[in-house]
All heavy atoms as atom14 arrays in JSON, in Angstrom:
{
  "sequence": "GRGNGIIWMDETNCTGTESMLSACRARPWGINNCYH",
  "atom14_mask": [
    [1, 1, 1, 1, 0, 0, 0, 0, 0, 0, 0, 0, 0, 0],
    [1, 1, 1, 1, 1, 1, 1, 1, 1, 1, 1, 0, 0, 0],
    [1, 1, 1, 1, 0, 0, 0, 0, 0, 0, 0, 0, 0, 0],
    [1, 1, 1, 1, 1, 1, 1, 1, 0, 0, 0, 0, 0, 0],
    [1, 1, 1, 1, 0, 0, 0, 0, 0, 0, 0, 0, 0, 0],
    [1, 1, 1, 1, 1, 1, 1, 1, 0, 0, 0, 0, 0, 0],
    [1, 1, 1, 1, 1, 1, 1, 1, 0, 0, 0, 0, 0, 0],
    [1, 1, 1, 1, 1, 1, 1, 1, 1, 1, 1, 1, 1, 1],
    [1, 1, 1, 1, 1, 1, 1, 1, 0, 0, 0, 0, 0, 0],
    [1, 1, 1, 1, 1, 1, 1, 1, 0, 0, 0, 0, 0, 0],
    [1, 1, 1, 1, 1, 1, 1, 1, 1, 0, 0, 0, 0, 0],
    [1, 1, 1, 1, 1, 1, 1, 0, 0, 0, 0, 0, 0, 0],
    [1, 1, 1, 1, 1, 1, 1, 1, 0, 0, 0, 0, 0, 0],
    [1, 1, 1, 1, 1, 1, 0, 0, 0, 0, 0, 0, 0, 0],
    [1, 1, 1, 1, 1, 1, 1, 0, 0, 0, 0, 0, 0, 0],
    [1, 1, 1, 1, 0, 0, 0, 0, 0, 0, 0, 0, 0, 0],
    [1, 1, 1, 1, 1, 1, 1, 0, 0, 0, 0, 0, 0, 0],
    [1, 1, 1, 1, 1, 1, 1, 1, 1, 0, 0, 0, 0, 0],
    [1, 1, 1, 1, 1, 1, 0, 0, 0, 0, 0, 0, 0, 0],
    [1, 1, 1, 1, 1, 1, 1, 1, 0, 0, 0, 0, 0, 0],
    [1, 1, 1, 1, 1, 1, 1, 1, 0, 0, 0, 0, 0, 0],
    [1, 1, 1, 1, 1, 1, 0, 0, 0, 0, 0, 0, 0, 0],
    [1, 1, 1, 1, 1, 0, 0, 0, 0, 0, 0, 0, 0, 0],
    [1, 1, 1, 1, 1, 1, 0, 0, 0, 0, 0, 0, 0, 0],
    [1, 1, 1, 1, 1, 1, 1, 1, 1, 1, 1, 0, 0, 0],
    [1, 1, 1, 1, 1, 0, 0, 0, 0, 0, 0, 0, 0, 0],
    [1, 1, 1, 1, 1, 1, 1, 1, 1, 1, 1, 0, 0, 0],
    [1, 1, 1, 1, 1, 1, 1, 0, 0, 0, 0, 0, 0, 0],
    [1, 1, 1, 1, 1, 1, 1, 1, 1, 1, 1, 1, 1, 1],
    [1, 1, 1, 1, 0, 0, 0, 0, 0, 0, 0, 0, 0, 0],
    [1, 1, 1, 1, 1, 1, 1, 1, 0, 0, 0, 0, 0, 0],
    [1, 1, 1, 1, 1, 1, 1, 1, 0, 0, 0, 0, 0, 0],
    [1, 1, 1, 1, 1, 1, 1, 1, 0, 0, 0, 0, 0, 0],
    [1, 1, 1, 1, 1, 1, 0, 0, 0, 0, 0, 0, 0, 0],
    [1, 1, 1, 1, 1, 1, 1, 1, 1, 1, 1, 1, 0, 0],
    [1, 1, 1, 1, 1, 1, 1, 1, 1, 1, 0, 0, 0, 0]
  ],
  "atom14_positions": [
    [[138.63, 186.43, 101.17], [139.65, 185.61, 100.4], [139.39, 184.16, 100.31], [138.52, 183.65, 101.0], [0.0, 0.0, 0.0], [0.0, 0.0, 0.0], [0.0, 0.0, 0.0], [0.0, 0.0, 0.0], [0.0, 0.0, 0.0], [0.0, 0.0, 0.0], [0.0, 0.0, 0.0], [0.0, 0.0, 0.0], [0.0, 0.0, 0.0], [0.0, 0.0, 0.0]],
    [[140.08, 183.57, 99.35], [139.86, 182.15, 99.11], [140.78, 181.36, 99.95], [142.08, 181.67, 99.99], [140.11, 181.83, 97.64], [139.1, 182.47, 96.67], [139.38, 182.15, 95.24], [138.49, 182.76, 94.35], [138.23, 182.25, 93.13], [138.88, 181.31, 92.65], [137.34, 182.78, 92.48], [0.0, 0.0, 0.0], [0.0, 0.0, 0.0], [0.0, 0.0, 0.0]],
    [[140.23, 180.31, 100.63], [141.07, 179.45, 101.36], [141.84, 178.56, 100.34], [141.84, 178.54, 99.1], [0.0, 0.0, 0.0], [0.0, 0.0, 0.0], [0.0, 0.0, 0.0], [0.0, 0.0, 0.0], [0.0, 0.0, 0.0], [0.0, 0.0, 0.0], [0.0, 0.0, 0.0], [0.0, 0.0, 0.0], [0.0, 0.0, 0.0], [0.0, 0.0, 0.0]],
    [[142.51, 177.48, 100.95], [143.14, 176.44, 100.15], [142.94, 175.17, 100.85], [142.57, 175.11, 102.05], [144.54, 176.76, 99.76], [145.33, 177.08, 101.02], [145.33, 176.33, 102.0], [146.12, 178.24, 100.99], [0.0, 0.0, 0.0], [0.0, 0.0, 0.0], [0.0, 0.0, 0.0], [0.0, 0.0, 0.0], [0.0, 0.0, 0.0], [0.0, 0.0, 0.0]],
    [[143.24, 174.03, 100.14], [143.1, 172.75, 100.77], [141.63, 172.25, 100.74], [140.93, 172.64, 99.91], [0.0, 0.0, 0.0], [0.0, 0.0, 0.0], [0.0, 0.0, 0.0], [0.0, 0.0, 0.0], [0.0, 0.0, 0.0], [0.0, 0.0, 0.0], [0.0, 0.0, 0.0], [0.0, 0.0, 0.0], [0.0, 0.0, 0.0], [0.0, 0.0, 0.0]],
    [[141.27, 171.45, 101.74], [139.97, 170.76, 101.72], [138.82, 171.72, 102.13], [139.02, 172.7, 102.97], [139.94, 169.52, 102.68], [138.82, 168.67, 102.38], [140.11, 169.93, 104.12], [139.02, 167.25, 102.82], [0.0, 0.0, 0.0], [0.0, 0.0, 0.0], [0.0, 0.0, 0.0], [0.0, 0.0, 0.0], [0.0, 0.0, 0.0], [0.0, 0.0, 0.0]],
    [[137.63, 171.57, 101.59], [136.4, 172.22, 102.0], [135.73, 171.2, 102.88], [135.28, 170.21, 102.36], [135.59, 172.65, 100.8], [136.5, 173.64, 99.93], [134.31, 173.21, 101.28], [135.78, 174.05, 98.63], [0.0, 0.0, 0.0], [0.0, 0.0, 0.0], [0.0, 0.0, 0.0], [0.0, 0.0, 0.0], [0.0, 0.0, 0.0], [0.0, 0.0, 0.0]],
    [[135.68, 171.31, 104.16], [135.17, 170.41, 105.1], [133.73, 170.41, 105.13], [133.06, 169.32, 105.2], [135.7, 170.58, 106.46], [137.0, 170.04, 106.81], [138.03, 170.64, 107.4], [137.46, 168.65, 106.63], [139.12, 169.71, 107.47], [138.75, 168.54, 107.02], [136.83, 167.53, 106.06], [139.45, 167.37, 106.95], [137.51, 166.37, 105.99], [138.9, 166.21, 106.46]],
    [[133.01, 171.52, 105.04], [131.53, 171.58, 105.25], [130.85, 172.24, 104.11], [131.27, 173.11, 103.61], [131.21, 172.32, 106.62], [131.66, 171.65, 107.85], [131.27, 172.49, 109.38], [129.53, 171.91, 109.49], [0.0, 0.0, 0.0], [0.0, 0.0, 0.0], [0.0, 0.0, 0.0], [0.0, 0.0, 0.0], [0.0, 0.0, 0.0], [0.0, 0.0, 0.0]],
    [[129.66, 171.66, 103.82], [128.85, 172.22, 102.7], [127.36, 172.01, 103.16], [127.0, 171.13, 103.94], [129.09, 171.52, 101.45], [128.39, 172.07, 100.24], [127.84, 173.22, 100.38], [128.26, 171.35, 99.24], [0.0, 0.0, 0.0], [0.0, 0.0, 0.0], [0.0, 0.0, 0.0], [0.0, 0.0, 0.0], [0.0, 0.0, 0.0], [0.0, 0.0, 0.0]],
    [[126.54, 172.88, 102.7], [125.02, 172.79, 102.97], [124.92, 172.84, 104.57], [124.07, 172.12, 105.09], [124.39, 171.56, 102.37], [124.46, 171.44, 100.96], [123.67, 172.61, 100.22], [122.74, 173.26, 100.85], [123.89, 172.78, 99.07], [0.0, 0.0, 0.0], [0.0, 0.0, 0.0], [0.0, 0.0, 0.0], [0.0, 0.0, 0.0], [0.0, 0.0, 0.0]],
    [[125.71, 173.63, 105.17], [125.57, 173.8, 106.64], [124.17, 174.33, 107.02], [123.71, 175.25, 106.43], [126.65, 174.74, 107.2], [127.96, 174.28, 106.71], [126.65, 174.73, 108.7], [0.0, 0.0, 0.0], [0.0, 0.0, 0.0], [0.0, 0.0, 0.0], [0.0, 0.0, 0.0], [0.0, 0.0, 0.0], [0.0, 0.0, 0.0], [0.0, 0.0, 0.0]],
    [[123.55, 173.7, 108.02], [122.17, 174.14, 108.36], [122.03, 174.17, 109.9], [121.53, 173.22, 110.46], [121.16, 173.18, 107.68], [119.79, 173.69, 107.84], [119.48, 174.83, 108.11], [118.86, 172.86, 107.62], [0.0, 0.0, 0.0], [0.0, 0.0, 0.0], [0.0, 0.0, 0.0], [0.0, 0.0, 0.0], [0.0, 0.0, 0.0], [0.0, 0.0, 0.0]],
    [[122.53, 175.19, 110.55], [122.4, 175.31, 111.95], [121.07, 175.82, 112.34], [120.48, 176.65, 111.59], [123.47, 176.17, 112.52], [125.21, 175.79, 112.14], [0.0, 0.0, 0.0], [0.0, 0.0, 0.0], [0.0, 0.0, 0.0], [0.0, 0.0, 0.0], [0.0, 0.0, 0.0], [0.0, 0.0, 0.0], [0.0, 0.0, 0.0], [0.0, 0.0, 0.0]],
    [[120.54, 175.45, 113.57], [119.34, 176.03, 114.08], [119.69, 177.37, 114.77], [118.69, 178.18, 115.01], [118.61, 175.16, 115.07], [119.52, 175.04, 116.21], [118.34, 173.82, 114.43], [0.0, 0.0, 0.0], [0.0, 0.0, 0.0], [0.0, 0.0, 0.0], [0.0, 0.0, 0.0], [0.0, 0.0, 0.0], [0.0, 0.0, 0.0], [0.0, 0.0, 0.0]],
    [[121.03, 177.54, 115.2], [121.28, 178.75, 115.77], [121.61, 178.57, 117.22], [122.08, 179.37, 117.92], [0.0, 0.0, 0.0], [0.0, 0.0, 0.0], [0.0, 0.0, 0.0], [0.0, 0.0, 0.0], [0.0, 0.0, 0.0], [0.0, 0.0, 0.0], [0.0, 0.0, 0.0], [0.0, 0.0, 0.0], [0.0, 0.0, 0.0], [0.0, 0.0, 0.0]],
    [[121.14, 177.37, 117.75], [121.23, 177.07, 119.21], [122.39, 176.11, 119.5], [122.7, 175.85, 120.64], [119.95, 176.47, 119.72], [119.71, 175.25, 119.01], [118.82, 177.41, 119.57], [0.0, 0.0, 0.0], [0.0, 0.0, 0.0], [0.0, 0.0, 0.0], [0.0, 0.0, 0.0], [0.0, 0.0, 0.0], [0.0, 0.0, 0.0], [0.0, 0.0, 0.0]],
    [[123.02, 175.54, 118.48], [124.19, 174.65, 118.73], [125.38, 175.26, 119.41], [125.55, 176.51, 119.31], [124.67, 174.0, 117.36], [123.52, 173.16, 116.7], [122.81, 174.01, 115.77], [122.74, 175.25, 115.76], [122.05, 173.4, 114.92], [0.0, 0.0, 0.0], [0.0, 0.0, 0.0], [0.0, 0.0, 0.0], [0.0, 0.0, 0.0], [0.0, 0.0, 0.0]],
    [[126.03, 174.46, 120.2], [127.23, 175.05, 120.87], [128.46, 175.12, 120.04], [129.5, 175.84, 120.43], [127.5, 174.24, 122.14], [127.85, 172.87, 121.84], [0.0, 0.0, 0.0], [0.0, 0.0, 0.0], [0.0, 0.0, 0.0], [0.0, 0.0, 0.0], [0.0, 0.0, 0.0], [0.0, 0.0, 0.0], [0.0, 0.0, 0.0], [0.0, 0.0, 0.0]],
    [[128.48, 174.41, 118.92], [129.7, 174.42, 118.1], [129.25, 174.09, 116.65], [128.22, 173.42, 116.39], [130.82, 173.38, 118.52], [130.31, 171.9, 118.63], [131.46, 170.93, 119.43], [131.48, 171.57, 121.02], [0.0, 0.0, 0.0], [0.0, 0.0, 0.0], [0.0, 0.0, 0.0], [0.0, 0.0, 0.0], [0.0, 0.0, 0.0], [0.0, 0.0, 0.0]],
    [[129.98, 174.59, 115.66], [129.69, 174.38, 114.28], [129.59, 172.93, 113.79], [128.75, 172.63, 113.14], [130.71, 175.12, 113.36], [130.37, 175.21, 111.9], [129.09, 175.93, 111.61], [131.54, 175.83, 111.19], [0.0, 0.0, 0.0], [0.0, 0.0, 0.0], [0.0, 0.0, 0.0], [0.0, 0.0, 0.0], [0.0, 0.0, 0.0], [0.0, 0.0, 0.0]],
    [[130.42, 172.1, 114.39], [130.43, 170.69, 114.03], [129.2, 170.03, 114.43], [128.94, 168.84, 114.11], [131.67, 169.97, 114.59], [131.66, 170.03, 116.0], [0.0, 0.0, 0.0], [0.0, 0.0, 0.0], [0.0, 0.0, 0.0], [0.0, 0.0, 0.0], [0.0, 0.0, 0.0], [0.0, 0.0, 0.0], [0.0, 0.0, 0.0], [0.0, 0.0, 0.0]],
    [[128.34, 170.61, 115.39], [127.12, 169.98, 115.77], [125.94, 170.24, 114.82], [124.82, 169.69, 115.03], [126.8, 170.45, 117.22], [0.0, 0.0, 0.0], [0.0, 0.0, 0.0], [0.0, 0.0, 0.0], [0.0, 0.0, 0.0], [0.0, 0.0, 0.0], [0.0, 0.0, 0.0], [0.0, 0.0, 0.0], [0.0, 0.0, 0.0], [0.0, 0.0, 0.0]],
    [[126.23, 171.1, 113.91], [125.12, 171.59, 113.03], [124.97, 170.5, 111.85], [125.97, 169.79, 111.55], [125.46, 172.95, 112.29], [125.62, 174.29, 113.4], [0.0, 0.0, 0.0], [0.0, 0.0, 0.0], [0.0, 0.0, 0.0], [0.0, 0.0, 0.0], [0.0, 0.0, 0.0], [0.0, 0.0, 0.0], [0.0, 0.0, 0.0], [0.0, 0.0, 0.0]],
    [[123.82, 170.44, 111.29], [123.63, 169.5, 110.19], [124.32, 170.02, 108.97], [124.34, 171.31, 108.76], [122.03, 169.48, 109.86], [121.28, 168.68, 111.01], [119.81, 168.53, 110.59], [119.87, 167.54, 109.43], [118.76, 167.14, 108.89], [117.64, 167.66, 109.11], [118.79, 166.26, 107.9], [0.0, 0.0, 0.0], [0.0, 0.0, 0.0], [0.0, 0.0, 0.0]],
    [[124.74, 169.13, 108.22], [125.66, 169.48, 107.03], [125.83, 168.22, 106.23], [125.49, 167.13, 106.6], [126.94, 170.1, 107.38], [0.0, 0.0, 0.0], [0.0, 0.0, 0.0], [0.0, 0.0, 0.0], [0.0, 0.0, 0.0], [0.0, 0.0, 0.0], [0.0, 0.0, 0.0], [0.0, 0.0, 0.0], [0.0, 0.0, 0.0], [0.0, 0.0, 0.0]],
    [[126.31, 168.37, 105.02], [126.72, 167.22, 104.17], [127.86, 166.48, 104.95], [128.42, 167.05, 105.76], [127.16, 167.6, 102.78], [125.96, 168.18, 101.93], [126.45, 168.56, 100.58], [126.5, 167.38, 99.79], [126.91, 167.37, 98.56], [127.13, 168.46, 97.9], [126.99, 166.16, 97.9], [0.0, 0.0, 0.0], [0.0, 0.0, 0.0], [0.0, 0.0, 0.0]],
    [[128.03, 165.19, 104.63], [129.27, 164.45, 105.26], [130.51, 165.27, 105.13], [130.73, 166.01, 104.09], [129.3, 163.18, 104.51], [127.85, 162.88, 103.96], [127.32, 164.45, 103.69], [0.0, 0.0, 0.0], [0.0, 0.0, 0.0], [0.0, 0.0, 0.0], [0.0, 0.0, 0.0], [0.0, 0.0, 0.0], [0.0, 0.0, 0.0], [0.0, 0.0, 0.0]],
    [[131.38, 165.14, 106.07], [132.68, 165.87, 106.14], [133.47, 165.67, 104.79], [133.56, 164.57, 104.26], [133.58, 165.27, 107.15], [133.24, 165.71, 108.64], [132.67, 164.85, 109.61], [133.41, 166.96, 109.25], [132.42, 165.49, 110.69], [132.92, 166.85, 110.56], [133.92, 168.2, 108.86], [132.95, 167.9, 111.44], [133.97, 169.18, 109.65], [133.53, 169.11, 111.01]],
    [[133.79, 166.78, 104.17], [134.57, 166.83, 102.9], [133.88, 166.54, 101.72], [134.36, 166.61, 100.58], [0.0, 0.0, 0.0], [0.0, 0.0, 0.0], [0.0, 0.0, 0.0], [0.0, 0.0, 0.0], [0.0, 0.0, 0.0], [0.0, 0.0, 0.0], [0.0, 0.0, 0.0], [0.0, 0.0, 0.0], [0.0, 0.0, 0.0], [0.0, 0.0, 0.0]],
    [[132.57, 166.29, 101.73], [131.77, 166.13, 100.57], [130.98, 167.31, 100.21], [130.27, 167.9, 100.93], [130.63, 164.97, 100.78], [131.28, 163.67, 101.32], [129.72, 164.79, 99.56], [132.21, 163.03, 100.4], [0.0, 0.0, 0.0], [0.0, 0.0, 0.0], [0.0, 0.0, 0.0], [0.0, 0.0, 0.0], [0.0, 0.0, 0.0], [0.0, 0.0, 0.0]],
    [[131.35, 167.9, 99.03], [130.81, 169.23, 98.69], [130.79, 169.36, 97.15], [131.46, 168.55, 96.39], [131.7, 170.32, 99.22], [133.08, 170.35, 98.73], [133.38, 170.82, 97.63], [134.05, 169.77, 99.57], [0.0, 0.0, 0.0], [0.0, 0.0, 0.0], [0.0, 0.0, 0.0], [0.0, 0.0, 0.0], [0.0, 0.0, 0.0], [0.0, 0.0, 0.0]],
    [[130.12, 170.38, 96.64], [130.09, 170.71, 95.25], [130.59, 172.14, 95.14], [129.94, 172.9, 94.38], [128.74, 170.47, 94.66], [127.62, 171.27, 95.31], [127.9, 171.96, 96.3], [126.46, 171.11, 94.88], [0.0, 0.0, 0.0], [0.0, 0.0, 0.0], [0.0, 0.0, 0.0], [0.0, 0.0, 0.0], [0.0, 0.0, 0.0], [0.0, 0.0, 0.0]],
    [[131.58, 172.52, 95.84], [132.1, 173.92, 95.99], [133.47, 174.15, 95.51], [134.22, 173.2, 95.3], [131.94, 174.28, 97.45], [130.42, 174.05, 98.18], [0.0, 0.0, 0.0], [0.0, 0.0, 0.0], [0.0, 0.0, 0.0], [0.0, 0.0, 0.0], [0.0, 0.0, 0.0], [0.0, 0.0, 0.0], [0.0, 0.0, 0.0], [0.0, 0.0, 0.0]],
    [[133.8, 175.39, 95.31], [135.25, 175.76, 95.18], [135.5, 176.9, 96.1], [134.64, 177.44, 96.72], [135.5, 176.17, 93.67], [134.85, 177.43, 93.27], [135.57, 178.59, 93.06], [133.46, 177.59, 93.02], [135.03, 179.85, 92.66], [132.85, 178.73, 92.68], [133.61, 179.82, 92.52], [133.03, 181.0, 92.1], [0.0, 0.0, 0.0], [0.0, 0.0, 0.0]],
    [[136.82, 177.23, 96.2], [137.17, 178.21, 97.31], [136.58, 179.64, 97.1], [136.63, 180.4, 98.02], [138.7, 178.13, 97.54], [139.07, 177.02, 98.34], [138.71, 176.88, 99.62], [139.92, 175.95, 97.99], [139.28, 175.72, 100.02], [139.99, 175.1, 98.96], [0.0, 0.0, 0.0], [0.0, 0.0, 0.0], [0.0, 0.0, 0.0], [0.0, 0.0, 0.0]]
  ]
}
């Protein structure tokens, strides 16, 4: 399903070893070229 509101993460690129999603490389918070 489609969420609503802000899209926080885009181009997420985890190595798979991070302890939390926010530690993964990604575009800056809230900067995206996406839709829900």
